[in-house]
Protein backbone atom coordinates (compact mmCIF):
# COMPACT_ATOMS: atom_id res chain seq x y z
CA MET A 1 -0.02 0.00 0.02
CA LYS A 2 1.46 3.40 -0.97
CA ASN A 3 1.97 6.22 1.54
CA PHE A 4 -0.79 8.80 1.70
CA GLY A 5 1.21 11.42 3.52
CA THR A 6 4.33 12.34 5.60
CA LEU A 7 5.09 12.79 9.27
CA GLU A 8 7.80 15.22 10.42
CA TYR A 9 9.00 16.62 13.76
CA VAL A 10 9.45 20.41 13.20
CA LEU A 11 9.75 23.74 15.00
CA ASP A 12 6.49 25.49 14.26
CA ARG A 13 7.16 29.05 13.26
CA TYR A 14 3.88 30.42 14.73
CA SER A 15 3.86 28.73 18.11
CA GLN A 16 7.66 28.50 18.41
CA ALA A 17 7.24 24.97 19.81
CA TRP A 18 8.37 21.65 18.56
CA SER A 19 5.36 20.01 16.91
CA TRP A 20 4.38 17.27 14.40
CA LYS A 21 3.69 18.22 10.86
CA VAL A 22 1.56 16.02 8.66
CA THR A 23 1.14 16.43 4.92
CA GLY A 24 -1.30 14.94 2.40
CA SER A 25 -4.95 15.66 1.91
CA ARG A 26 -6.32 12.26 3.27
CA ALA A 27 -3.92 12.40 6.29
CA VAL A 28 -4.79 16.02 7.05
CA ASN A 29 -8.48 15.17 6.84
CA MET A 30 -8.01 12.29 9.34
CA ILE A 31 -6.05 14.53 11.67
CA SER A 32 -8.70 17.20 11.58
CA ARG A 33 -11.33 14.77 12.81
CA LEU A 34 -9.14 12.99 15.44
CA ILE A 35 -7.08 15.87 16.90
CA PRO A 36 -9.23 19.00 17.38
CA GLU A 37 -6.30 21.12 18.63
CA SER A 38 -4.32 20.71 15.37
CA TRP A 39 -4.24 23.56 12.92
CA TYR A 40 -3.40 24.14 9.26
CA GLY A 41 0.16 24.70 8.23
CA ASP A 42 1.18 26.34 4.90
CA GLY A 43 -1.96 25.31 3.02
CA PRO A 44 -4.96 22.97 3.32
CA ASN A 45 -2.88 19.84 2.78
CA GLU A 46 -0.57 20.40 5.77
CA ALA A 47 -1.46 20.20 9.48
CA ILE A 48 0.45 21.01 12.63
CA ILE A 49 -0.09 18.92 15.80
CA PRO A 50 1.05 19.83 19.32
CA ASP A 51 3.69 17.45 20.71
CA SER A 52 1.83 15.65 23.60
CA THR A 53 1.41 12.03 24.73
CA GLU A 54 -2.30 11.96 23.74
CA ASN A 55 -1.59 13.31 20.27
CA ILE A 56 1.29 10.95 19.71
CA GLN A 57 -1.01 8.02 20.54
CA GLN A 58 -3.56 9.30 18.06
CA ILE A 59 -0.87 9.61 15.35
CA LYS A 60 0.20 6.10 16.17
CA TRP A 61 -3.27 4.86 15.58
CA ILE A 62 -3.25 6.43 12.13
CA LEU A 63 0.18 4.90 11.37
CA ASP A 64 -1.02 1.45 12.36
CA ARG A 65 -3.92 1.61 9.85
CA TYR A 66 -2.74 4.04 7.17
CA PRO A 67 0.90 4.28 5.97
CA LEU A 68 2.59 7.67 6.51
CA GLU A 69 6.26 8.23 5.52
CA VAL A 70 8.04 9.14 8.79
CA LEU A 71 10.66 11.77 7.95
CA SER A 72 11.95 12.16 11.56
CA LYS A 73 12.44 8.53 12.49
CA SER A 74 14.70 8.99 15.49
CA ALA A 75 12.41 11.56 17.11
CA TRP A 76 9.41 9.32 16.39
CA ASN A 77 10.93 6.26 17.90
CA ARG A 78 12.00 8.13 21.06
CA LYS A 79 8.62 9.76 21.49
CA ILE A 80 6.40 6.66 20.82
CA VAL A 81 8.35 4.62 23.44
CA LYS A 82 7.63 7.24 26.08
CA SER A 83 3.92 7.22 25.23
CA TYR A 84 3.38 3.51 26.17
CA PRO A 85 1.68 3.12 29.46
CA THR A 86 3.53 1.54 32.38
CA ARG A 87 1.48 -1.20 34.00
CA GLU A 88 1.66 -2.90 37.26
CA LYS A 89 3.69 -6.14 37.13
CA ILE A 90 1.59 -9.11 38.00
CA GLU A 91 3.07 -12.53 38.47
CA LYS A 92 2.60 -14.93 35.65
CA THR A 93 0.38 -17.86 36.21
CA GLU A 94 2.29 -21.16 36.46
CA LYS A 95 1.91 -24.30 34.53
CA LEU A 96 -1.39 -25.94 35.55
CA ASN A 97 -1.64 -29.36 37.29
CA ARG A 98 -4.62 -31.59 37.85
CA VAL A 99 -5.39 -30.98 41.50
CA LYS A 100 -7.98 -32.68 43.70
CA PRO A 101 -10.55 -30.47 45.48
CA SER A 102 -11.00 -30.57 49.18
CA ASP A 103 -13.30 -32.99 51.05
CA LEU A 104 -15.92 -30.18 51.33
CA PHE A 105 -16.54 -30.75 47.54
CA LYS A 106 -18.72 -33.78 46.87
CA GLY A 107 -18.68 -33.86 43.14
CA SER A 108 -16.16 -35.14 40.57
CA LEU A 109 -14.07 -33.07 38.17
CA LEU A 110 -12.89 -33.90 34.59
CA ASN A 111 -9.17 -33.53 34.09
CA PHE A 112 -9.35 -30.11 32.43
CA GLN A 113 -11.61 -28.91 35.24
CA LYS A 114 -8.94 -29.95 37.83
CA GLU A 115 -6.56 -27.77 35.88
CA GLY A 116 -9.07 -24.99 36.05
CA LEU A 117 -9.21 -25.49 39.87
CA ASP A 118 -5.36 -25.23 39.95
CA PHE A 119 -5.57 -21.99 37.92
CA LEU A 120 -7.91 -20.49 40.43
CA ILE A 121 -5.76 -21.59 43.33
CA LYS A 122 -2.61 -20.14 41.77
CA SER A 123 -4.36 -16.90 40.87
CA SER A 124 -5.41 -16.64 44.55
CA GLY A 125 -9.02 -16.56 43.35
CA ASN A 126 -8.62 -13.29 41.46
CA ALA A 127 -9.23 -14.34 37.90
CA LEU A 128 -11.41 -14.51 34.87
CA LEU A 129 -12.47 -18.05 34.04
CA ALA A 130 -13.51 -17.76 30.30
CA ASP A 131 -13.92 -21.37 29.22
CA GLU A 132 -16.47 -21.80 26.38
CA MET A 133 -20.03 -22.29 27.47
CA GLY A 134 -20.82 -25.79 28.57
CA LEU A 135 -17.46 -26.69 30.14
CA GLY A 136 -18.54 -26.35 33.80
CA LYS A 137 -17.32 -22.96 35.02
CA THR A 138 -19.85 -23.21 37.90
CA VAL A 139 -18.51 -26.58 39.24
CA GLN A 140 -14.90 -25.36 38.97
CA THR A 141 -15.72 -22.32 40.97
CA LEU A 142 -17.45 -24.19 43.62
CA ALA A 143 -14.57 -26.63 43.88
CA TYR A 144 -12.26 -23.71 44.41
CA LEU A 145 -14.39 -22.17 47.08
CA ALA A 146 -14.54 -25.53 48.76
CA SER A 147 -10.67 -25.74 48.57
CA GLU A 148 -9.90 -22.30 49.80
CA THR A 149 -9.67 -21.89 53.57
CA GLN A 150 -10.88 -18.31 53.72
CA ALA A 151 -13.65 -18.28 51.10
CA PHE A 152 -16.88 -17.91 53.11
CA PRO A 153 -19.21 -16.13 53.19
CA ALA A 154 -19.28 -15.78 49.50
CA LEU A 155 -21.46 -13.59 47.27
CA ILE A 156 -22.74 -14.86 44.02
CA VAL A 157 -23.79 -12.17 41.52
CA ALA A 158 -25.62 -13.51 38.56
CA PRO A 159 -28.49 -12.91 35.99
CA LEU A 160 -31.87 -13.20 37.58
CA VAL A 161 -32.81 -16.34 35.68
CA THR A 162 -29.79 -18.33 37.06
CA LEU A 163 -30.17 -17.63 40.73
CA ASN A 164 -32.16 -20.76 41.48
CA ASN A 165 -29.73 -22.82 39.51
CA TRP A 166 -26.84 -21.48 41.60
CA GLN A 167 -28.57 -22.44 44.76
CA ARG A 168 -29.18 -25.92 43.38
CA GLU A 169 -25.63 -26.40 42.35
CA ILE A 170 -24.35 -25.26 45.75
CA GLY A 171 -26.55 -27.95 47.42
CA LYS A 172 -25.45 -30.62 44.83
CA PHE A 173 -21.65 -30.12 45.06
CA LEU A 174 -20.84 -28.77 48.46
CA LYS A 175 -20.98 -30.06 52.00
CA ARG A 176 -21.32 -27.75 54.94
CA LYS A 177 -18.51 -26.79 57.31
CA SER A 178 -19.40 -26.06 60.93
CA ARG A 179 -17.94 -23.06 62.83
CA ASN A 180 -15.23 -25.20 64.34
CA GLY A 181 -14.13 -26.48 60.96
CA ARG A 182 -15.70 -29.87 61.05
CA ILE A 183 -17.22 -31.05 57.70
CA LEU A 184 -20.85 -32.01 57.98
CA ASP A 185 -21.50 -34.81 55.37
CA ASP A 186 -25.28 -34.75 55.73
CA GLN A 187 -25.73 -30.96 55.52
CA ILE A 188 -25.38 -28.41 52.61
CA PRO A 189 -24.13 -24.82 52.96
CA THR A 190 -26.61 -22.25 54.05
CA SER A 191 -27.70 -19.77 51.33
CA THR A 192 -30.14 -17.05 50.63
CA ILE A 193 -31.38 -15.63 47.32
CA ILE A 194 -31.88 -11.80 47.66
CA ARG A 195 -34.91 -10.86 45.69
CA LYS A 196 -36.03 -7.51 47.21
CA GLY A 197 -34.55 -4.11 46.82
CA LYS A 198 -35.77 -2.87 50.14
CA ARG A 199 -32.96 -2.49 52.67
CA GLU A 200 -32.95 -4.86 55.67
CA GLU A 201 -30.40 -6.93 57.59
CA LEU A 202 -29.49 -10.10 55.70
CA GLY A 203 -28.44 -12.49 58.45
CA GLU A 204 -25.61 -14.89 58.38
CA TYR A 205 -25.24 -17.42 55.50
CA ASP A 206 -22.46 -19.23 53.68
CA PHE A 207 -23.72 -17.92 50.36
CA TYR A 208 -25.54 -14.71 49.35
CA ILE A 209 -27.11 -14.89 45.87
CA ILE A 210 -28.26 -11.80 44.20
CA ASN A 211 -28.89 -10.51 40.61
CA TYR A 212 -27.00 -7.62 39.12
CA GLU A 213 -29.92 -5.20 39.12
CA LEU A 214 -30.34 -5.31 42.88
CA LEU A 215 -26.69 -4.81 43.78
CA ASP A 216 -26.77 -1.05 44.00
CA LYS A 217 -29.82 -0.98 46.31
CA ARG A 218 -28.50 -3.65 48.63
CA PHE A 219 -24.88 -2.61 48.72
CA PRO A 220 -25.17 -1.21 52.30
CA ASP A 221 -26.65 -4.57 53.56
CA LEU A 222 -23.99 -6.70 51.75
CA ALA A 223 -21.24 -4.51 52.95
CA LYS A 224 -22.05 -5.54 56.55
CA THR A 225 -21.90 -9.36 55.88
CA LYS A 226 -18.03 -9.61 55.86
CA ILE A 227 -18.00 -11.29 52.50
CA LYS A 228 -14.63 -12.78 51.56
CA SER A 229 -15.32 -14.00 48.02
CA ILE A 230 -17.31 -12.41 45.19
CA VAL A 231 -18.24 -14.44 42.13
CA CYS A 232 -19.61 -12.58 39.08
CA ASP A 233 -21.35 -15.06 36.81
CA GLU A 234 -21.91 -13.89 33.24
CA VAL A 235 -19.45 -11.16 34.09
CA GLN A 236 -20.03 -9.43 30.66
CA ASN A 237 -22.76 -7.70 32.53
CA LEU A 238 -19.95 -5.45 33.87
CA ARG A 239 -18.54 -4.44 30.50
CA SER A 240 -19.74 -0.92 30.87
CA LYS A 241 -18.00 1.11 33.54
CA THR A 242 -20.82 3.73 33.60
CA THR A 243 -23.60 1.49 35.02
CA LYS A 244 -24.84 1.31 38.51
CA LYS A 245 -24.29 -2.48 38.72
CA TYR A 246 -20.59 -1.91 37.72
CA SER A 247 -20.13 0.74 40.37
CA ALA A 248 -21.76 -1.52 42.98
CA VAL A 249 -19.48 -4.45 42.17
CA LYS A 250 -16.40 -2.21 42.04
CA LYS A 251 -17.16 -0.92 45.55
CA LEU A 252 -17.92 -4.49 46.87
CA ALA A 253 -14.74 -5.80 45.33
CA ALA A 254 -12.79 -3.05 47.17
CA LEU A 255 -14.04 -3.91 50.60
CA PRO A 256 -11.33 -4.83 53.03
CA THR A 257 -12.87 -8.24 53.80
CA ILE A 258 -12.77 -9.37 50.11
CA GLN A 259 -9.90 -11.67 49.26
CA HIS A 260 -11.15 -13.46 46.11
CA ARG A 261 -12.73 -11.95 42.97
CA ILE A 262 -13.83 -14.39 40.31
CA GLY A 263 -15.37 -13.59 36.89
CA LEU A 264 -17.18 -16.28 34.80
CA SER A 265 -18.13 -15.97 31.19
CA GLY A 266 -17.61 -17.82 27.93
CA THR A 267 -18.28 -14.48 26.21
CA PRO A 268 -16.79 -11.70 28.34
CA ILE A 269 -16.69 -9.54 25.15
CA TYR A 270 -20.02 -8.88 23.55
CA ASN A 271 -19.34 -6.24 20.84
CA ARG A 272 -15.95 -4.54 21.22
CA GLY A 273 -12.63 -5.72 22.64
CA SER A 274 -12.33 -2.67 24.91
CA GLU A 275 -15.28 -4.21 26.94
CA ILE A 276 -12.64 -6.40 28.59
CA TRP A 277 -11.04 -3.49 30.55
CA PRO A 278 -13.79 -2.80 33.14
CA ILE A 279 -14.00 -6.52 33.84
CA VAL A 280 -10.24 -6.98 34.32
CA ASP A 281 -10.01 -3.75 36.44
CA ILE A 282 -12.39 -5.40 39.04
CA LEU A 283 -10.63 -8.69 39.18
CA ARG A 284 -7.04 -7.35 38.95
CA PRO A 285 -7.13 -3.53 39.46
CA GLY A 286 -4.33 -1.87 37.50
CA MET A 287 -3.29 -4.70 35.41
CA LEU A 288 -4.24 -2.96 32.15
CA GLY A 289 -3.53 0.51 33.43
CA SER A 290 -6.28 3.16 33.50
CA PHE A 291 -8.88 3.13 30.82
CA LYS A 292 -7.16 6.02 29.09
CA GLU A 293 -3.85 4.18 29.13
CA PHE A 294 -5.50 1.04 27.91
CA CYS A 295 -7.12 2.82 24.90
CA GLY A 296 -3.96 4.70 24.12
CA TYR A 297 -1.96 1.57 23.80
CA PHE A 298 -4.36 -1.07 22.55
CA CYS A 299 -7.30 0.82 20.78
CA PHE A 300 -8.43 3.46 18.35
CA ILE A 301 -11.49 5.59 18.80
CA ASN A 302 -13.87 5.24 15.88
CA GLU A 303 -16.23 7.97 14.63
CA LYS A 304 -18.96 7.00 17.11
CA GLY A 305 -16.49 7.44 20.04
CA LYS A 306 -16.16 3.65 20.63
CA ALA A 307 -12.83 2.15 21.60
CA ILE A 308 -11.92 -0.65 19.10
CA VAL A 309 -8.89 -2.83 19.72
CA LEU A 310 -6.42 -2.41 16.86
CA GLU A 311 -5.95 -5.43 14.65
CA ASN A 312 -2.18 -5.58 15.29
CA LYS A 313 -2.83 -5.41 19.11
CA ARG A 314 -5.36 -8.15 19.60
CA GLU A 315 -2.87 -10.95 19.87
CA SER A 316 -0.72 -9.12 22.39
CA LEU A 317 -3.85 -8.28 24.42
CA ARG A 318 -4.93 -11.89 24.40
CA LYS A 319 -1.42 -12.94 25.53
CA GLU A 320 -1.43 -10.31 28.36
CA LEU A 321 -4.85 -11.66 29.62
CA GLN A 322 -3.84 -15.30 29.43
CA LYS A 323 -0.51 -14.52 31.15
CA HIS A 324 -1.96 -12.80 34.16
CA VAL A 325 -5.77 -13.18 34.69
CA MET A 326 -7.63 -15.31 32.21
CA LEU A 327 -8.04 -19.06 31.54
CA ARG A 328 -9.87 -20.05 28.40
CA ARG A 329 -10.37 -23.51 27.01
CA LYS A 330 -12.63 -24.44 23.97
CA LYS A 331 -14.67 -27.58 23.70
CA THR A 332 -12.63 -28.78 20.73
CA ASP A 333 -9.51 -28.63 22.95
CA VAL A 334 -10.79 -30.44 26.00
CA LEU A 335 -13.75 -32.54 25.03
CA LYS A 336 -12.53 -34.72 22.27
CA GLU A 337 -15.68 -36.87 22.39
CA LEU A 338 -17.90 -33.75 21.86
CA LYS A 339 -19.34 -33.67 18.35
CA ASP A 340 -18.94 -30.74 16.03
CA LYS A 341 -21.12 -27.59 15.76
CA VAL A 342 -22.15 -26.70 12.20
CA ARG A 343 -23.49 -23.28 11.23
CA TYR A 344 -25.66 -22.71 8.11
CA LYS A 345 -26.77 -19.34 6.69
CA GLU A 346 -30.09 -20.20 5.05
CA VAL A 347 -31.65 -17.55 2.76
CA ILE A 348 -35.42 -17.88 2.89
CA ASP A 349 -38.24 -15.89 1.17
CA ALA A 350 -39.87 -12.87 2.73
CA ASP A 351 -42.89 -10.83 1.98
CA THR A 352 -41.10 -7.79 0.48
CA ASP A 353 -44.31 -5.84 -0.16
CA TYR A 354 -45.22 -5.90 3.56
CA TYR A 355 -41.54 -5.31 4.42
CA PHE A 356 -41.10 -2.14 2.35
CA ASN A 357 -44.54 -0.82 3.18
CA GLU A 358 -43.74 -0.98 6.84
CA LEU A 359 -40.20 0.40 6.26
CA ASN A 360 -41.81 3.45 4.63
CA LYS A 361 -43.91 4.03 7.75
CA ILE A 362 -40.83 3.61 9.95
CA TRP A 363 -38.86 6.09 7.91
CA LYS A 364 -41.65 8.75 7.84
CA LYS A 365 -42.06 8.40 11.65
CA LEU A 366 -38.29 8.70 12.10
CA GLU A 367 -38.12 11.94 10.01
CA GLU A 368 -40.86 13.44 12.06
CA GLU A 369 -39.21 12.45 15.41
CA GLN A 370 -35.88 13.89 14.21
CA LYS A 371 -37.56 17.27 13.43
CA ASP A 372 -39.26 17.38 16.82
CA ALA A 373 -36.12 16.12 18.83
CA SER A 374 -35.01 18.65 21.33
CA SER A 375 -31.72 17.09 22.19
CA GLU A 376 -29.12 14.62 20.85
CA PHE A 377 -30.42 12.01 23.36
CA ASP A 378 -33.94 12.31 21.76
CA LYS A 379 -32.37 11.88 18.22
CA SER A 380 -30.41 8.87 19.35
CA ALA A 381 -33.38 7.21 20.96
CA SER A 382 -35.43 7.76 17.80
CA TYR A 383 -32.81 6.05 15.69
CA GLN A 384 -32.74 3.04 18.09
CA ARG A 385 -36.50 2.81 17.97
CA ALA A 386 -36.37 2.77 14.25
CA ILE A 387 -33.64 0.07 14.14
CA GLN A 388 -35.67 -2.13 16.48
CA SER A 389 -38.81 -1.54 14.44
CA GLU A 390 -37.07 -2.66 11.30
CA ARG A 391 -35.81 -5.84 12.94
CA GLN A 392 -39.38 -6.72 14.11
CA VAL A 393 -40.74 -5.99 10.68
CA ALA A 394 -38.04 -8.22 8.97
CA GLY A 395 -39.10 -11.02 11.49
CA ALA A 396 -42.73 -10.74 10.53
CA ALA A 397 -41.93 -10.56 6.76
CA LYS A 398 -40.28 -13.89 6.79
CA LEU A 399 -42.40 -15.59 9.49
CA PRO A 400 -44.51 -17.87 7.17
CA HIS A 401 -41.23 -19.23 5.62
CA VAL A 402 -39.68 -19.64 9.06
CA ILE A 403 -42.65 -21.65 10.11
CA ASN A 404 -42.38 -23.91 7.02
CA PHE A 405 -38.68 -24.36 7.65
CA VAL A 406 -39.32 -25.43 11.36
CA LYS A 407 -42.16 -27.77 10.23
CA ASN A 408 -39.74 -29.46 7.74
CA ILE A 409 -37.23 -30.15 10.53
CA MET A 410 -39.87 -31.33 12.84
CA GLU A 411 -41.01 -33.98 10.31
CA ILE A 412 -37.79 -35.93 10.94
CA GLU A 413 -38.92 -36.25 14.49
CA GLU A 414 -35.97 -34.45 16.12
CA SER A 415 -36.05 -32.07 19.02
CA VAL A 416 -35.72 -28.44 17.83
CA VAL A 417 -35.01 -25.15 19.58
CA VAL A 418 -36.19 -21.93 17.87
CA PHE A 419 -34.73 -18.60 19.00
CA CYS A 420 -36.43 -15.25 18.30
CA HIS A 421 -35.92 -11.69 19.53
CA HIS A 422 -39.31 -10.01 19.76
CA LYS A 423 -42.25 -11.03 21.88
CA ALA A 424 -44.69 -10.45 19.11
CA ILE A 425 -42.75 -12.86 16.89
CA HIS A 426 -42.47 -15.39 19.82
CA GLN A 427 -46.25 -15.37 20.28
CA LEU A 428 -46.91 -15.79 16.50
CA LEU A 429 -44.50 -18.71 16.28
CA HIS A 430 -46.08 -20.33 19.32
CA LYS A 431 -49.55 -19.98 17.86
CA SER A 432 -48.54 -21.10 14.27
CA LEU A 433 -46.72 -24.23 15.64
CA ALA A 434 -49.26 -25.24 18.25
CA GLU A 435 -49.68 -28.58 16.56
CA PHE A 436 -46.27 -29.59 18.07
CA SER A 437 -47.20 -28.53 21.68
CA PRO A 438 -44.20 -26.24 22.03
CA VAL A 439 -42.79 -25.21 25.36
CA SER A 440 -41.42 -21.60 25.90
CA VAL A 441 -38.73 -19.70 27.62
CA ILE A 442 -39.36 -16.00 27.46
CA GLY A 443 -38.79 -12.89 29.59
CA GLY A 444 -41.24 -12.32 32.44
CA GLN A 445 -41.65 -15.97 33.42
CA THR A 446 -41.29 -17.04 37.01
CA ASP A 447 -38.26 -19.18 37.87
CA LYS A 448 -40.68 -22.14 38.52
CA THR A 449 -42.54 -21.86 35.23
CA ARG A 450 -39.20 -21.46 33.37
CA GLN A 451 -37.77 -24.58 34.93
CA GLU A 452 -40.88 -26.58 34.25
CA GLN A 453 -40.80 -25.67 30.50
CA ILE A 454 -37.04 -26.68 30.38
CA ASP A 455 -37.78 -30.02 32.15
CA LEU A 456 -40.66 -30.90 29.83
CA PHE A 457 -38.28 -30.39 26.83
CA GLN A 458 -35.33 -32.18 28.27
CA GLU A 459 -37.52 -35.12 29.28
CA GLY A 460 -38.79 -35.37 25.78
CA LYS A 461 -42.46 -34.53 26.65
CA SER A 462 -42.17 -31.69 23.96
CA LYS A 463 -40.00 -31.78 20.94
CA LEU A 464 -40.12 -28.05 20.23
CA MET A 465 -38.91 -25.18 22.34
CA ILE A 466 -39.41 -21.51 21.36
CA ALA A 467 -37.10 -19.30 23.30
CA GLY A 468 -36.30 -15.59 23.43
CA LEU A 469 -32.77 -14.85 22.45
CA ARG A 470 -31.88 -12.80 25.60
CA ALA A 471 -34.05 -15.00 27.92
CA GLY A 472 -33.01 -18.40 26.85
CA ASN A 473 -29.27 -17.72 26.17
CA VAL A 474 -28.06 -18.20 29.74
CA GLY A 475 -28.54 -20.68 32.64
CA ILE A 476 -30.29 -23.46 30.76
CA ASN A 477 -29.31 -26.82 29.35
CA LEU A 478 -31.01 -27.98 26.21
CA THR A 479 -28.82 -30.95 25.20
CA ARG A 480 -31.94 -32.92 24.13
CA ALA A 481 -31.88 -31.06 20.89
CA ARG A 482 -29.46 -31.11 17.98
CA TYR A 483 -31.09 -28.50 15.87
CA VAL A 484 -31.22 -24.78 16.77
CA ILE A 485 -32.91 -22.25 14.39
CA PHE A 486 -32.55 -18.40 14.65
CA ALA A 487 -35.73 -16.99 13.38
CA GLU A 488 -34.44 -13.50 14.08
CA LEU A 489 -30.91 -12.10 14.46
CA ASP A 490 -29.53 -10.08 17.41
CA TRP A 491 -26.71 -7.47 16.89
CA SER A 492 -24.24 -9.14 19.25
CA PRO A 493 -22.48 -12.30 18.16
CA ALA A 494 -22.04 -13.32 21.87
CA ILE A 495 -25.77 -13.69 22.15
CA HIS A 496 -25.95 -16.19 19.37
CA ARG A 497 -22.95 -18.18 20.69
CA GLN A 498 -24.58 -18.43 24.11
CA ALA A 499 -27.71 -19.59 22.53
CA GLU A 500 -26.01 -22.17 20.46
CA ASP A 501 -24.15 -23.51 23.46
CA ARG A 502 -27.27 -24.20 25.35
CA LEU A 503 -27.17 -27.35 23.09
CA HIS A 504 -23.49 -27.65 22.44
CA ARG A 505 -22.10 -28.52 25.82
CA ILE A 506 -21.18 -31.37 28.10
CA GLY A 507 -23.86 -34.08 27.66
CA GLN A 508 -24.41 -33.51 24.00
CA LYS A 509 -23.87 -36.80 22.10
CA ASN A 510 -24.78 -35.46 18.57
CA THR A 511 -23.49 -32.90 16.09
CA VAL A 512 -25.39 -29.55 16.63
CA PHE A 513 -26.76 -27.88 13.55
CA ALA A 514 -27.34 -24.10 13.87
CA TYR A 515 -29.46 -22.47 11.14
CA TYR A 516 -29.52 -18.74 10.78
CA LEU A 517 -32.56 -17.81 8.62
CA ILE A 518 -31.88 -14.71 6.43
CA GLY A 519 -34.93 -13.03 4.90
CA ASN A 520 -34.34 -12.48 1.22
CA GLY A 521 -34.74 -8.72 0.41
CA THR A 522 -34.48 -7.62 4.01
CA LEU A 523 -31.60 -6.19 5.98
CA ASP A 524 -30.97 -9.54 7.61
CA ASP A 525 -27.90 -10.12 5.39
CA HIS A 526 -26.53 -6.76 6.53
CA VAL A 527 -26.97 -7.76 10.19
CA ALA A 528 -25.29 -10.97 9.49
CA ASN A 529 -22.25 -9.13 8.13
CA VAL A 530 -22.12 -7.00 11.24
CA LEU A 531 -22.11 -10.15 13.37
CA VAL A 532 -19.23 -11.59 11.30
CA ASP A 533 -17.18 -8.35 11.60
CA LYS A 534 -17.71 -8.21 15.44
CA SER A 535 -16.83 -11.94 15.74
CA TYR A 536 -13.43 -11.35 14.09
CA GLU A 537 -12.47 -8.80 16.81
CA ILE A 538 -13.68 -10.98 19.64
CA ASP A 539 -12.07 -14.13 18.33
CA ALA A 540 -8.76 -12.48 17.78
CA ILE A 541 -8.73 -11.38 21.41
CA MET A 542 -10.23 -14.46 23.06
CA ASP A 543 -8.76 -17.20 20.90
CA GLU A 544 -5.69 -17.86 18.77
CA LYS A 545 -7.14 -16.76 15.40
CA ALA A 546 -5.51 -14.54 12.88
CA GLU A 547 -8.46 -13.65 10.61
CA SER A 548 -8.34 -10.34 8.85
CA TYR A 549 -10.76 -7.78 10.24
CA GLU A 550 -11.66 -4.15 9.78
CA ASN A 551 -14.27 -2.79 12.02
CA LYS A 552 -16.70 -0.85 9.85
CA GLU A 553 -19.33 -0.29 12.56
CA LYS A 554 -21.97 -0.90 9.91
CA ALA A 555 -24.77 -0.65 12.33
CA GLN A 556 -24.55 3.21 12.03
CA LEU A 557 -25.43 2.96 8.37
CA ILE A 558 -28.66 0.95 8.78
CA LEU A 559 -31.07 3.77 8.48
CA ALA A 560 -29.33 5.12 5.39
CA GLN A 561 -29.72 1.72 3.79
CA ILE A 562 -33.48 1.75 4.73
CA GLN A 563 -33.78 5.07 2.96
CA ASP A 564 -31.78 3.84 0.08
CA ARG A 565 -33.97 0.69 -0.42
CA LEU A 566 -37.16 2.70 -0.24
CA ARG A 567 -35.89 5.05 -2.96
CA THR A 568 -34.71 2.13 -5.30
CA LYS A 569 -37.80 -0.07 -4.71
């Protein structure tokens, strides 16, 4: 690729300060957008940039992606070394052994799970266990808590739908220890599920189990319990450092009684690699520096203000995580007997007349809302509503053909799981496929109803489950099925992977077939491309993959594409 500009260290004649001079129309245009304090030099194709650490990091981002001819190489090399953040040295995790859990643990571990236990022990319980879904992160964590002498009381923070499951697993795998240290074989640890936001004294238990949404309200009560261990299940819930739940966990993790902080997730990164920083900063504060330092070294800031991990930094970030805080194993590495998972992108027909007619309504409503918007927040909310409306319309437009596809699979008398995104589509699928007596997992169900529906499916009393993508993607086991069908697509690849792995996990004896149904003539294909792009960034950080990737943030263009399709119809 040819150079599209030059970079030189010069004494600026106007400011009389040493600065960076960039030439070339494309380079200057990029500089003007990324570095607001830059100014034009001798003409529109020359920019002068103040010499600062922040600006050098922005210039470095441009050099990593677009070639500039560096005319002052010695000055550049000297400056760029100084701009790298210094990070706290953390001891490297040693080679893992297959260790036996203590007598407090009453289950059995597979060999790779024994190594996972050793990892947690050697990490002093301050670690990210990022094994792929279905490899038993819960049981490895309980084995560690049983083996650690100062682990209780422990706090389990998890999604609401998994709280009962955690309580069941605690009773299944752990014995109780008396106050004098004697193991009581016939008793299980005491535990309480915190379900109310009202403040009140919690009492003394071995385990406190709470969902993320209640943490902020119950922080004062939890702070009094002298918790020694905190386990964050589906820790991707903490990927945004601006949320109340993140702040609550951050404060809890900093309590003087806390000795162990464990994060669990097969998909800690949902959309962008920079989401790993808030998680690691709770488990190992300072390991990746401040967020500003992390972004300066590993990321570039795109036009939407999102921090994207540079392609040439993804492998080094993964190695840093694996060296100090993260253990990740894939099913293909540790479960040789587990069958494959096969994905198909199946293009099906859609009612394009209905689709474009509804898009026209969406677009007109959006234009009206944009005119009436009194703030940028109102404009952004309006865009988000339009995007969600298009997704639901696309789901409805292809629904008759989705139903036919499901019926064809059902004819071979196999158990099938169908995932959808919108409640309206869920209801229509349930009604149209009533002949198969489907069971459902959907948001708003009680824990009891949800578990009853899962049990009916797993016991073979129903061969069809219809599940919400964000309601049925965590905390359930659906190994009875080998076919999973995505009637609608979500924007996050992690959501789909979690859904697939409800089937593809320990206990699955067959190859799992995942069908992604793409509505012909809708924006489904565009959404699928976004998922692929995001997957490349996530895979390059989490796993040893070297696939080329350029983050285009295509989701921002969706409304322009809607308008373009309406004009060309």
